[in-house]
Amino acid sequence: MLRVQGIDLSYGTQQVLFNLNFNLHQGEILGFLGPNGAGKSSTMRILTGYLRPSKGEVFFLDKDVSKNPLFLREHLGYLPETAPIYPELKVEEYLKWVAEVKSVENINKEVDKVIRECGLKTVQKKLIRYLSKGYRQRVGLAQALLGDPKLIILDEPTVGLDPTQVREIRNLIKELGKEKTILLSTHILSEVELLCKRVIIINRGRILADESLEELVKKAGEKRFILLLSRKTDLNIFKEEIGDCFSLIELKEVTDGYKLELSQKREGDFREKIFAAAIKSNGVLLELFPKRSSLEEAFVKLVYSGEEQ
């Protein structure tokens, strides 16, 4: 649906984006991640047609965005970090005004539709200034949905919201993702884990990773195990027996015995080593399972280990 080819961007003599290449496929929610100053906002301004790249092209449905800006905007819904809303207007008035600006057909029908989709029915007659931040974000999403866009770009849609509001917006994005193609930029990595199957990580204007969430976490994470040992286990002997293959990350005393988290030091399958160590230390291995790394661990490893080099 959206194809980015060889994008560079410079502000004067300072280059901020370097040879960006990626695709956004129809029907997916793509997580677009990076630390502050990584180039995310500049990239999104290019994708939405508000900024021209210094080099490279962006194609939307096989049409060059720079040559067909109106075609893009007809099919694009965009929610910037600060929602473009007017507090002196009522919700319904504001959405009808946006619909007119977008040249939406059947304005009343379309506004009623986005009000229903975004859960704004109870506040549609209220002034925007009196809405909570969560409802203001809903209004921002509603304006992005006017005109039934094929592509939706969301920049930090849950920033500044409380946990309940975050959950509400997340559920709304999840529902939208069943019918729309979405590019989601956010600092809340747990949201990406819940919503996205594919992730792009950008830093200092360069793409560091573009792959499935599962593969990214698998490649970047350490191999760790969680195990439960019986209370009679001699922990000193156990730690000595596994010391050449594993590092002890955490040890907790629990009702049934001892819960340990181990990090594997080198490649290989050393689970038999754990079984043998449990027996030698006069213990019983009650549980053993791998610990899945998180997106946060993968993100930190990719972004900050690269900065140290």
C-alpha atoms as a PDB file:
ATOM      1  CA  MET A   1       0.000   0.000   0.000  1.00  0.00           C
ATOM      2  CA  LEU A   2       2.749   2.469   1.010  1.00  0.00           C
ATOM      3  CA  ARG A   3       6.287   2.190  -0.335  1.00  0.00           C
ATOM      4  CA  VAL A   4       9.226   4.301   0.862  1.00  0.00           C
ATOM      5  CA  GLN A   5      12.286   4.295  -1.402  1.00  0.00           C
ATOM      6  CA  GLY A   6      15.663   5.818  -0.573  1.00  0.00           C
ATOM      7  CA  ILE A   7      14.412   8.736   1.524  1.00  0.00           C
ATOM      8  CA  ASP A   8      16.972  11.322   2.663  1.00  0.00           C
ATOM      9  CA  LEU A   9      16.104  14.550   4.460  1.00  0.00           C
ATOM     10  CA  SER A  10      18.295  17.527   5.301  1.00  0.00           C
ATOM     11  CA  TYR A  11      17.553  20.763   7.132  1.00  0.00           C
ATOM     12  CA  GLY A  12      20.132  23.117   5.672  1.00  0.00           C
ATOM     13  CA  THR A  13      23.494  21.376   6.050  1.00  0.00           C
ATOM     14  CA  GLN A  14      22.246  18.913   8.671  1.00  0.00           C
ATOM     15  CA  GLN A  15      21.065  15.551   7.364  1.00  0.00           C
ATOM     16  CA  VAL A  16      18.443  13.933   9.594  1.00  0.00           C
ATOM     17  CA  LEU A  17      17.201  10.966   7.521  1.00  0.00           C
ATOM     18  CA  PHE A  18      19.449   8.539   5.685  1.00  0.00           C
ATOM     19  CA  ASN A  19      18.268   6.228   2.888  1.00  0.00           C
ATOM     20  CA  LEU A  20      15.022   5.017   4.448  1.00  0.00           C
ATOM     21  CA  ASN A  21      13.424   2.045   2.692  1.00  0.00           C
ATOM     22  CA  PHE A  22      10.339   0.186   3.888  1.00  0.00           C
ATOM     23  CA  ASN A  23       6.830  -0.934   2.907  1.00  0.00           C
ATOM     24  CA  LEU A  24       3.518  -0.735   4.739  1.00  0.00           C
ATOM     25  CA  HIS A  25       1.235  -3.583   3.722  1.00  0.00           C
ATOM     26  CA  GLN A  26      -2.531  -3.437   3.467  1.00  0.00           C
ATOM     27  CA  GLY A  27      -4.346  -4.566   6.600  1.00  0.00           C
ATOM     28  CA  GLU A  28      -1.438  -4.375   9.049  1.00  0.00           C
ATOM     29  CA  ILE A  29      -0.726  -2.268  12.134  1.00  0.00           C
ATOM     30  CA  LEU A  30       2.953  -1.341  11.895  1.00  0.00           C
ATOM     31  CA  GLY A  31       4.807  -0.113  14.978  1.00  0.00           C
ATOM     32  CA  PHE A  32       7.201   2.760  14.193  1.00  0.00           C
ATOM     33  CA  LEU A  33       9.619   3.193  17.101  1.00  0.00           C
ATOM     34  CA  GLY A  34      12.640   5.233  18.067  1.00  0.00           C
ATOM     35  CA  PRO A  35      14.007   7.450  20.857  1.00  0.00           C
ATOM     36  CA  ASN A  36      13.442  11.208  20.910  1.00  0.00           C
ATOM     37  CA  GLY A  37      15.184  12.869  17.980  1.00  0.00           C
ATOM     38  CA  ALA A  38      15.397   9.634  15.991  1.00  0.00           C
ATOM     39  CA  GLY A  39      13.589  11.052  12.955  1.00  0.00           C
ATOM     40  CA  LYS A  40      10.112   9.597  13.481  1.00  0.00           C
ATOM     41  CA  SER A  41       8.185  12.864  13.232  1.00  0.00           C
ATOM     42  CA  SER A  42      10.120  14.004  10.153  1.00  0.00           C
ATOM     43  CA  THR A  43       9.426  10.654   8.502  1.00  0.00           C
ATOM     44  CA  MET A  44       5.711  10.886   9.247  1.00  0.00           C
ATOM     45  CA  ARG A  45       5.542  14.429   7.899  1.00  0.00           C
ATOM     46  CA  ILE A  46       7.022  13.106   4.650  1.00  0.00           C
ATOM     47  CA  LEU A  47       4.604  10.158   4.562  1.00  0.00           C
ATOM     48  CA  THR A  48       1.625  12.462   5.053  1.00  0.00           C
ATOM     49  CA  GLY A  49       2.755  14.825   2.293  1.00  0.00           C
ATOM     50  CA  TYR A  50       3.455  17.795   4.580  1.00  0.00           C
ATOM     51  CA  LEU A  51       7.206  17.692   3.931  1.00  0.00           C
ATOM     52  CA  ARG A  52       9.214  16.891   0.808  1.00  0.00           C
ATOM     53  CA  PRO A  53      12.253  14.642   1.138  1.00  0.00           C
ATOM     54  CA  SER A  54      15.633  15.867  -0.080  1.00  0.00           C
ATOM     55  CA  LYS A  55      15.974  12.618  -1.992  1.00  0.00           C
ATOM     56  CA  GLY A  56      13.877   9.518  -2.670  1.00  0.00           C
ATOM     57  CA  GLU A  57      10.197   8.791  -3.282  1.00  0.00           C
ATOM     58  CA  VAL A  58       7.089   7.752  -1.395  1.00  0.00           C
ATOM     59  CA  PHE A  59       4.463   5.760  -3.290  1.00  0.00           C
ATOM     60  CA  PHE A  60       0.886   5.316  -2.074  1.00  0.00           C
ATOM     61  CA  LEU A  61      -1.135   2.744  -4.022  1.00  0.00           C
ATOM     62  CA  ASP A  62       1.653   2.935  -6.651  1.00  0.00           C
ATOM     63  CA  LYS A  63       1.292   6.708  -7.093  1.00  0.00           C
ATOM     64  CA  ASP A  64       4.139   9.115  -6.315  1.00  0.00           C
ATOM     65  CA  VAL A  65       3.009  11.180  -3.307  1.00  0.00           C
ATOM     66  CA  SER A  66       4.992  14.257  -4.393  1.00  0.00           C
ATOM     67  CA  LYS A  67       3.172  14.287  -7.736  1.00  0.00           C
ATOM     68  CA  ASN A  68      -0.244  13.276  -6.367  1.00  0.00           C
ATOM     69  CA  PRO A  69      -0.595  14.961  -2.945  1.00  0.00           C
ATOM     70  CA  LEU A  70      -4.366  15.314  -3.192  1.00  0.00           C
ATOM     71  CA  PHE A  71      -4.789  11.622  -3.988  1.00  0.00           C
ATOM     72  CA  LEU A  72      -2.906  10.750  -0.799  1.00  0.00           C
ATOM     73  CA  ARG A  73      -4.912  13.129   1.371  1.00  0.00           C
ATOM     74  CA  GLU A  74      -8.194  11.738   0.038  1.00  0.00           C
ATOM     75  CA  HIS A  75      -7.255   8.333   1.451  1.00  0.00           C
ATOM     76  CA  LEU A  76      -5.235   9.345   4.528  1.00  0.00           C
ATOM     77  CA  GLY A  77      -6.279   9.857   8.140  1.00  0.00           C
ATOM     78  CA  TYR A  78      -3.645  11.545  10.301  1.00  0.00           C
ATOM     79  CA  LEU A  79      -3.553  12.122  14.051  1.00  0.00           C
ATOM     80  CA  PRO A  80      -0.460  14.147  15.042  1.00  0.00           C
ATOM     81  CA  GLU A  81       0.846  14.076  18.614  1.00  0.00           C
ATOM     82  CA  THR A  82      -1.192  17.190  19.428  1.00  0.00           C
ATOM     83  CA  ALA A  83      -4.692  16.573  18.101  1.00  0.00           C
ATOM     84  CA  PRO A  84      -5.853  19.432  15.793  1.00  0.00           C
ATOM     85  CA  ILE A  85      -9.020  20.284  17.686  1.00  0.00           C
ATOM     86  CA  TYR A  86     -10.776  23.563  18.500  1.00  0.00           C
ATOM     87  CA  PRO A  87     -11.936  23.818  22.137  1.00  0.00           C
ATOM     88  CA  GLU A  88     -14.514  26.523  21.391  1.00  0.00           C
ATOM     89  CA  LEU A  89     -16.511  24.146  19.151  1.00  0.00           C
ATOM     90  CA  LYS A  90     -18.831  21.330  20.127  1.00  0.00           C
ATOM     91  CA  VAL A  91     -17.687  17.836  19.143  1.00  0.00           C
ATOM     92  CA  GLU A  92     -20.321  17.420  16.423  1.00  0.00           C
ATOM     93  CA  GLU A  93     -19.733  20.944  15.063  1.00  0.00           C
ATOM     94  CA  TYR A  94     -15.995  20.374  14.862  1.00  0.00           C
ATOM     95  CA  LEU A  95     -16.330  17.048  13.053  1.00  0.00           C
ATOM     96  CA  LYS A  96     -18.787  18.518  10.531  1.00  0.00           C
ATOM     97  CA  TRP A  97     -16.370  21.375   9.876  1.00  0.00           C
ATOM     98  CA  VAL A  98     -13.485  18.923   9.287  1.00  0.00           C
ATOM     99  CA  ALA A  99     -15.727  16.872   7.000  1.00  0.00           C
ATOM    100  CA  GLU A 100     -16.449  19.990   4.923  1.00  0.00           C
ATOM    101  CA  VAL A 101     -12.728  20.811   4.684  1.00  0.00           C
ATOM    102  CA  LYS A 102     -12.068  17.231   3.537  1.00  0.00           C
ATOM    103  CA  SER A 103     -14.915  17.468   0.982  1.00  0.00           C
ATOM    104  CA  VAL A 104     -16.579  14.431   2.508  1.00  0.00           C
ATOM    105  CA  GLU A 105     -19.840  13.346   0.888  1.00  0.00           C
ATOM    106  CA  ASN A 106     -22.925  12.743   3.055  1.00  0.00           C
ATOM    107  CA  ILE A 107     -21.450  14.756   5.928  1.00  0.00           C
ATOM    108  CA  ASN A 108     -24.156  14.005   8.505  1.00  0.00           C
ATOM    109  CA  LYS A 109     -24.010  10.277   7.843  1.00  0.00           C
ATOM    110  CA  GLU A 110     -20.201  10.220   7.940  1.00  0.00           C
ATOM    111  CA  VAL A 111     -20.005  12.254  11.165  1.00  0.00           C
ATOM    112  CA  ASP A 112     -22.588  10.006  12.834  1.00  0.00           C
ATOM    113  CA  LYS A 113     -20.497   7.001  11.800  1.00  0.00           C
ATOM    114  CA  VAL A 114     -17.199   8.220  13.320  1.00  0.00           C
ATOM    115  CA  ILE A 115     -19.002   9.415  16.464  1.00  0.00           C
ATOM    116  CA  ARG A 116     -20.332   5.893  16.898  1.00  0.00           C
ATOM    117  CA  GLU A 117     -16.998   4.201  16.075  1.00  0.00           C
ATOM    118  CA  CYS A 118     -15.056   6.384  18.523  1.00  0.00           C
ATOM    119  CA  GLY A 119     -17.567   6.219  21.361  1.00  0.00           C
ATOM    120  CA  LEU A 120     -18.450   9.926  21.310  1.00  0.00           C
ATOM    121  CA  LYS A 121     -22.242   9.666  21.348  1.00  0.00           C
ATOM    122  CA  THR A 122     -22.586  10.875  24.944  1.00  0.00           C
ATOM    123  CA  VAL A 123     -20.393  13.959  24.387  1.00  0.00           C
ATOM    124  CA  GLN A 124     -21.225  14.967  20.806  1.00  0.00           C
ATOM    125  CA  LYS A 125     -23.129  18.088  21.961  1.00  0.00           C
ATOM    126  CA  LYS A 126     -20.451  19.159  24.464  1.00  0.00           C
ATOM    127  CA  LEU A 127     -17.810  21.841  23.960  1.00  0.00           C
ATOM    128  CA  ILE A 128     -14.430  20.235  23.347  1.00  0.00           C
ATOM    129  CA  ARG A 129     -12.844  22.433  26.029  1.00  0.00           C
ATOM    130  CA  TYR A 130     -14.780  20.532  28.711  1.00  0.00           C
ATOM    131  CA  LEU A 131     -13.714  17.052  27.573  1.00  0.00           C
ATOM    132  CA  SER A 132     -11.109  14.905  29.334  1.00  0.00           C
ATOM    133  CA  LYS A 133      -7.851  14.293  27.491  1.00  0.00           C
ATOM    134  CA  GLY A 134      -9.010  10.773  26.695  1.00  0.00           C
ATOM    135  CA  TYR A 135     -12.128  12.070  24.975  1.00  0.00           C
ATOM    136  CA  ARG A 136     -10.113  14.736  23.160  1.00  0.00           C
ATOM    137  CA  GLN A 137      -7.938  11.971  21.732  1.00  0.00           C
ATOM    138  CA  ARG A 138     -11.104  10.172  20.647  1.00  0.00           C
ATOM    139  CA  VAL A 139     -12.180  13.347  18.843  1.00  0.00           C
ATOM    140  CA  GLY A 140      -8.742  13.480  17.200  1.00  0.00           C
ATOM    141  CA  LEU A 141      -9.146   9.894  16.039  1.00  0.00           C
ATOM    142  CA  ALA A 142     -12.654  10.630  14.796  1.00  0.00           C
ATOM    143  CA  GLN A 143     -11.430  13.491  12.579  1.00  0.00           C
ATOM    144  CA  ALA A 144      -8.732  11.179  11.200  1.00  0.00           C
ATOM    145  CA  LEU A 145     -11.407   8.625  10.263  1.00  0.00           C
ATOM    146  CA  LEU A 146     -13.616  11.053   8.343  1.00  0.00           C
ATOM    147  CA  GLY A 147     -13.824  10.134   4.681  1.00  0.00           C
ATOM    148  CA  ASP A 148     -13.197   6.424   5.344  1.00  0.00           C
ATOM    149  CA  PRO A 149      -9.392   6.579   4.773  1.00  0.00           C
ATOM    150  CA  LYS A 150      -7.487   3.496   3.657  1.00  0.00           C
ATOM    151  CA  LEU A 151      -4.382   4.507   5.636  1.00  0.00           C
ATOM    152  CA  ILE A 152      -4.242   5.925   9.177  1.00  0.00           C
ATOM    153  CA  ILE A 153      -1.072   7.425  10.683  1.00  0.00           C
ATOM    154  CA  LEU A 154      -1.069   7.881  14.461  1.00  0.00           C
ATOM    155  CA  ASP A 155       1.672   9.827  16.258  1.00  0.00           C
ATOM    156  CA  GLU A 156       1.723   9.118  20.017  1.00  0.00           C
ATOM    157  CA  PRO A 157      -2.059   8.595  20.284  1.00  0.00           C
ATOM    158  CA  THR A 158      -1.920   7.703  24.005  1.00  0.00           C
ATOM    159  CA  VAL A 159       0.598  10.296  25.237  1.00  0.00           C
ATOM    160  CA  GLY A 160      -0.449  11.928  28.515  1.00  0.00           C
ATOM    161  CA  LEU A 161      -3.414   9.619  29.110  1.00  0.00           C
ATOM    162  CA  ASP A 162      -4.134   7.728  32.326  1.00  0.00           C
ATOM    163  CA  PRO A 163      -4.106   3.883  32.284  1.00  0.00           C
ATOM    164  CA  THR A 164      -7.874   3.623  31.752  1.00  0.00           C
ATOM    165  CA  GLN A 165      -7.794   6.085  28.847  1.00  0.00           C
ATOM    166  CA  VAL A 166      -4.785   4.281  27.341  1.00  0.00           C
ATOM    167  CA  ARG A 167      -6.705   1.007  27.399  1.00  0.00           C
ATOM    168  CA  GLU A 168      -9.736   2.631  25.764  1.00  0.00           C
ATOM    169  CA  ILE A 169      -7.680   4.141  22.921  1.00  0.00           C
ATOM    170  CA  ARG A 170      -5.756   0.882  22.486  1.00  0.00           C
ATOM    171  CA  ASN A 171      -8.986  -1.081  22.110  1.00  0.00           C
ATOM    172  CA  LEU A 172     -10.232   1.481  19.609  1.00  0.00           C
ATOM    173  CA  ILE A 173      -7.038   1.188  17.523  1.00  0.00           C
ATOM    174  CA  LYS A 174      -7.336  -2.602  17.672  1.00  0.00           C
ATOM    175  CA  GLU A 175     -10.868  -2.422  16.279  1.00  0.00           C
ATOM    176  CA  LEU A 176      -9.790   0.013  13.546  1.00  0.00           C
ATOM    177  CA  GLY A 177      -6.975  -2.362  12.585  1.00  0.00           C
ATOM    178  CA  LYS A 178      -9.520  -4.976  11.533  1.00  0.00           C
ATOM    179  CA  GLU A 179     -10.473  -2.806   8.542  1.00  0.00           C
ATOM    180  CA  LYS A 180      -7.721  -0.182   8.167  1.00  0.00           C
ATOM    181  CA  THR A 181      -3.984  -0.054   7.556  1.00  0.00           C
ATOM    182  CA  ILE A 182      -2.282   1.750  10.449  1.00  0.00           C
ATOM    183  CA  LEU A 183       1.171   3.212  11.100  1.00  0.00           C
ATOM    184  CA  LEU A 184       1.529   3.630  14.867  1.00  0.00           C
ATOM    185  CA  SER A 185       4.288   5.694  16.452  1.00  0.00           C
ATOM    186  CA  THR A 186       4.483   5.505  20.243  1.00  0.00           C
ATOM    187  CA  HIS A 187       6.900   5.430  23.172  1.00  0.00           C
ATOM    188  CA  ILE A 188       4.721   2.918  25.030  1.00  0.00           C
ATOM    189  CA  LEU A 189       6.333  -0.329  23.904  1.00  0.00           C
ATOM    190  CA  SER A 190       3.789  -2.511  25.692  1.00  0.00           C
ATOM    191  CA  GLU A 191       1.125  -1.005  23.399  1.00  0.00           C
ATOM    192  CA  VAL A 192       3.129  -2.079  20.354  1.00  0.00           C
ATOM    193  CA  GLU A 193       3.419  -5.616  21.734  1.00  0.00           C
ATOM    194  CA  LEU A 194      -0.362  -5.770  22.099  1.00  0.00           C
ATOM    195  CA  LEU A 195      -1.263  -4.179  18.750  1.00  0.00           C
ATOM    196  CA  CYS A 196       1.484  -4.842  16.190  1.00  0.00           C
ATOM    197  CA  LYS A 197       2.896  -7.903  14.479  1.00  0.00           C
ATOM    198  CA  ARG A 198       5.652  -5.960  12.710  1.00  0.00           C
ATOM    199  CA  VAL A 199       7.997  -3.255  13.977  1.00  0.00           C
ATOM    200  CA  ILE A 200      10.400  -0.704  12.501  1.00  0.00           C
ATOM    201  CA  ILE A 201      13.012   0.805  14.829  1.00  0.00           C
ATOM    202  CA  ILE A 202      14.722   4.017  13.751  1.00  0.00           C
ATOM    203  CA  ASN A 203      17.586   5.896  15.427  1.00  0.00           C
ATOM    204  CA  ARG A 204      19.608   8.902  14.288  1.00  0.00           C
ATOM    205  CA  GLY A 205      17.730   8.887  11.002  1.00  0.00           C
ATOM    206  CA  ARG A 206      18.565   5.287  10.090  1.00  0.00           C
ATOM    207  CA  ILE A 207      16.470   2.124  10.223  1.00  0.00           C
ATOM    208  CA  LEU A 208      17.974  -0.354  12.692  1.00  0.00           C
ATOM    209  CA  ALA A 209      15.335  -3.073  12.349  1.00  0.00           C
ATOM    210  CA  ASP A 210      12.340  -3.909  10.170  1.00  0.00           C
ATOM    211  CA  GLU A 211      10.867  -7.309  10.970  1.00  0.00           C
ATOM    212  CA  SER A 212       8.160  -9.195  12.774  1.00  0.00           C
ATOM    213  CA  LEU A 213       7.800  -8.509  16.476  1.00  0.00           C
ATOM    214  CA  GLU A 214       8.414 -12.185  17.201  1.00  0.00           C
ATOM    215  CA  GLU A 215      11.686 -12.317  15.243  1.00  0.00           C
ATOM    216  CA  LEU A 216      12.933  -9.007  16.632  1.00  0.00           C
ATOM    217  CA  VAL A 217      12.417 -10.100  20.229  1.00  0.00           C
ATOM    218  CA  LYS A 218      13.860 -13.531  19.538  1.00  0.00           C
ATOM    219  CA  LYS A 219      17.042 -12.207  17.906  1.00  0.00           C
ATOM    220  CA  ALA A 220      17.735  -9.364  20.308  1.00  0.00           C
ATOM    221  CA  GLY A 221      16.891 -11.066  23.584  1.00  0.00           C
ATOM    222  CA  GLU A 222      19.100 -13.205  25.792  1.00  0.00           C
ATOM    223  CA  LYS A 223      18.289 -16.870  26.313  1.00  0.00           C
ATOM    224  CA  ARG A 224      16.788 -17.020  29.797  1.00  0.00           C
ATOM    225  CA  PHE A 225      15.077 -19.680  31.892  1.00  0.00           C
ATOM    226  CA  ILE A 226      12.763 -19.615  34.893  1.00  0.00           C
ATOM    227  CA  LEU A 227      12.971 -22.597  37.230  1.00  0.00           C
ATOM    228  CA  LEU A 228      11.511 -23.728  40.534  1.00  0.00           C
ATOM    229  CA  LEU A 229      13.630 -25.838  42.901  1.00  0.00           C
ATOM    230  CA  SER A 230      12.426 -27.698  45.985  1.00  0.00           C
ATOM    231  CA  ARG A 231      13.183 -26.224  49.397  1.00  0.00           C
ATOM    232  CA  LYS A 232      15.734 -28.950  50.271  1.00  0.00           C
ATOM    233  CA  THR A 233      18.022 -27.861  47.413  1.00  0.00           C
ATOM    234  CA  ASP A 234      21.551 -26.844  48.433  1.00  0.00           C
ATOM    235  CA  LEU A 235      21.712 -23.593  46.480  1.00  0.00           C
ATOM    236  CA  ASN A 236      25.472 -23.184  46.829  1.00  0.00           C
ATOM    237  CA  ILE A 237      26.088 -26.560  45.182  1.00  0.00           C
ATOM    238  CA  PHE A 238      23.455 -25.873  42.504  1.00  0.00           C
ATOM    239  CA  LYS A 239      24.992 -22.496  41.568  1.00  0.00           C
ATOM    240  CA  GLU A 240      28.457 -24.031  41.442  1.00  0.00           C
ATOM    241  CA  GLU A 241      27.283 -26.819  39.128  1.00  0.00           C
ATOM    242  CA  ILE A 242      25.659 -24.492  36.575  1.00  0.00           C
ATOM    243  CA  GLY A 243      28.157 -21.627  36.856  1.00  0.00           C
ATOM    244  CA  ASP A 244      30.040 -22.384  33.641  1.00  0.00           C
ATOM    245  CA  CYS A 245      26.839 -22.249  31.533  1.00  0.00           C
ATOM    246  CA  PHE A 246      24.471 -19.870  33.338  1.00  0.00           C
ATOM    247  CA  SER A 247      24.463 -16.610  35.268  1.00  0.00           C
ATOM    248  CA  LEU A 248      22.017 -16.202  38.151  1.00  0.00           C
ATOM    249  CA  ILE A 249      19.855 -13.136  37.455  1.00  0.00           C
ATOM    250  CA  GLU A 250      17.332 -13.437  40.276  1.00  0.00           C
ATOM    251  CA  LEU A 251      16.619 -15.709  43.234  1.00  0.00           C
ATOM    252  CA  LYS A 252      13.389 -15.628  45.261  1.00  0.00           C
ATOM    253  CA  GLU A 253      12.139 -17.779  48.109  1.00  0.00           C
ATOM    254  CA  VAL A 254       8.554 -18.863  47.389  1.00  0.00           C
ATOM    255  CA  THR A 255       6.010 -21.179  49.015  1.00  0.00           C
ATOM    256  CA  ASP A 256       7.176 -24.322  47.198  1.00  0.00           C
ATOM    257  CA  GLY A 257      10.903 -23.607  47.358  1.00  0.00           C
ATOM    258  CA  TYR A 258      13.150 -21.326  45.311  1.00  0.00           C
ATOM    259  CA  LYS A 259      12.372 -19.513  42.087  1.00  0.00           C
ATOM    260  CA  LEU A 260      15.405 -18.685  39.940  1.00  0.00           C
ATOM    261  CA  GLU A 261      15.963 -16.773  36.725  1.00  0.00           C
ATOM    262  CA  LEU A 262      19.031 -17.850  34.751  1.00  0.00           C
ATOM    263  CA  SER A 263      20.732 -16.266  31.744  1.00  0.00           C
ATOM    264  CA  GLN A 264      22.583 -18.595  29.401  1.00  0.00           C
ATOM    265  CA  LYS A 265      26.220 -17.587  28.832  1.00  0.00           C
ATOM    266  CA  ARG A 266      26.838 -19.290  25.481  1.00  0.00           C
ATOM    267  CA  GLU A 267      25.043 -21.026  22.629  1.00  0.00           C
ATOM    268  CA  GLY A 268      23.801 -24.566  23.092  1.00  0.00           C
ATOM    269  CA  ASP A 269      21.156 -26.584  24.917  1.00  0.00           C
ATOM    270  CA  PHE A 270      22.214 -26.936  28.545  1.00  0.00           C
ATOM    271  CA  ARG A 271      18.903 -27.915  30.109  1.00  0.00           C
ATOM    272  CA  GLU A 272      20.319 -31.327  31.048  1.00  0.00           C
ATOM    273  CA  LYS A 273      22.952 -29.427  33.027  1.00  0.00           C
ATOM    274  CA  ILE A 274      20.151 -27.886  35.104  1.00  0.00           C
ATOM    275  CA  PHE A 275      18.541 -31.292  35.742  1.00  0.00           C
ATOM    276  CA  ALA A 276      21.890 -32.791  36.783  1.00  0.00           C
ATOM    277  CA  ALA A 277      22.690 -29.827  39.051  1.00  0.00           C
ATOM    278  CA  ALA A 278      19.327 -30.179  40.806  1.00  0.00           C
ATOM    279  CA  ILE A 279      19.991 -33.853  41.550  1.00  0.00           C
ATOM    280  CA  LYS A 280      23.572 -33.216  42.723  1.00  0.00           C
ATOM    281  CA  SER A 281      22.381 -30.452  45.077  1.00  0.00           C
ATOM    282  CA  ASN A 282      19.856 -32.826  46.713  1.00  0.00           C
ATOM    283  CA  GLY A 283      16.931 -30.973  45.170  1.00  0.00           C
ATOM    284  CA  VAL A 284      13.995 -31.560  42.862  1.00  0.00           C
ATOM    285  CA  LEU A 285      13.424 -29.492  39.728  1.00  0.00           C
ATOM    286  CA  LEU A 286       9.710 -28.678  39.951  1.00  0.00           C
ATOM    287  CA  GLU A 287       9.427 -26.331  36.957  1.00  0.00           C
ATOM    288  CA  LEU A 288      11.599 -25.240  34.032  1.00  0.00           C
ATOM    289  CA  PHE A 289      10.545 -23.022  31.128  1.00  0.00           C
ATOM    290  CA  PRO A 290      12.139 -20.416  28.841  1.00  0.00           C
ATOM    291  CA  LYS A 291      11.470 -16.739  29.530  1.00  0.00           C
ATOM    292  CA  ARG A 292      10.386 -14.730  26.513  1.00  0.00           C
ATOM    293  CA  SER A 293      12.285 -11.477  26.076  1.00  0.00           C
ATOM    294  CA  SER A 294      10.282  -8.255  25.811  1.00  0.00           C
ATOM    295  CA  LEU A 295      10.197  -5.635  23.077  1.00  0.00           C
ATOM    296  CA  GLU A 296      11.706  -3.207  25.590  1.00  0.00           C
ATOM    297  CA  GLU A 297      14.782  -5.424  25.990  1.00  0.00           C
ATOM    298  CA  ALA A 298      15.142  -5.716  22.219  1.00  0.00           C
ATOM    299  CA  PHE A 299      14.666  -1.958  21.748  1.00  0.00           C
ATOM    300  CA  VAL A 300      17.256  -1.006  24.376  1.00  0.00           C
ATOM    301  CA  LYS A 301      19.768  -3.507  23.021  1.00  0.00           C
ATOM    302  CA  LEU A 302      19.393  -2.287  19.432  1.00  0.00           C
ATOM    303  CA  VAL A 303      19.306   1.447  20.107  1.00  0.00           C
ATOM    304  CA  TYR A 304      21.714   1.936  22.970  1.00  0.00           C
ATOM    305  CA  SER A 305      24.291  -0.777  22.286  1.00  0.00           C
ATOM    306  CA  GLY A 306      24.672   0.793  18.840  1.00  0.00           C
ATOM    307  CA  GLU A 307      25.330   4.199  20.410  1.00  0.00           C
ATOM    308  CA  GLU A 308      28.131   2.807  22.557  1.00  0.00           C
ATOM    309  CA  GLN A 309      30.029   1.454  19.563  1.00  0.00           C
END
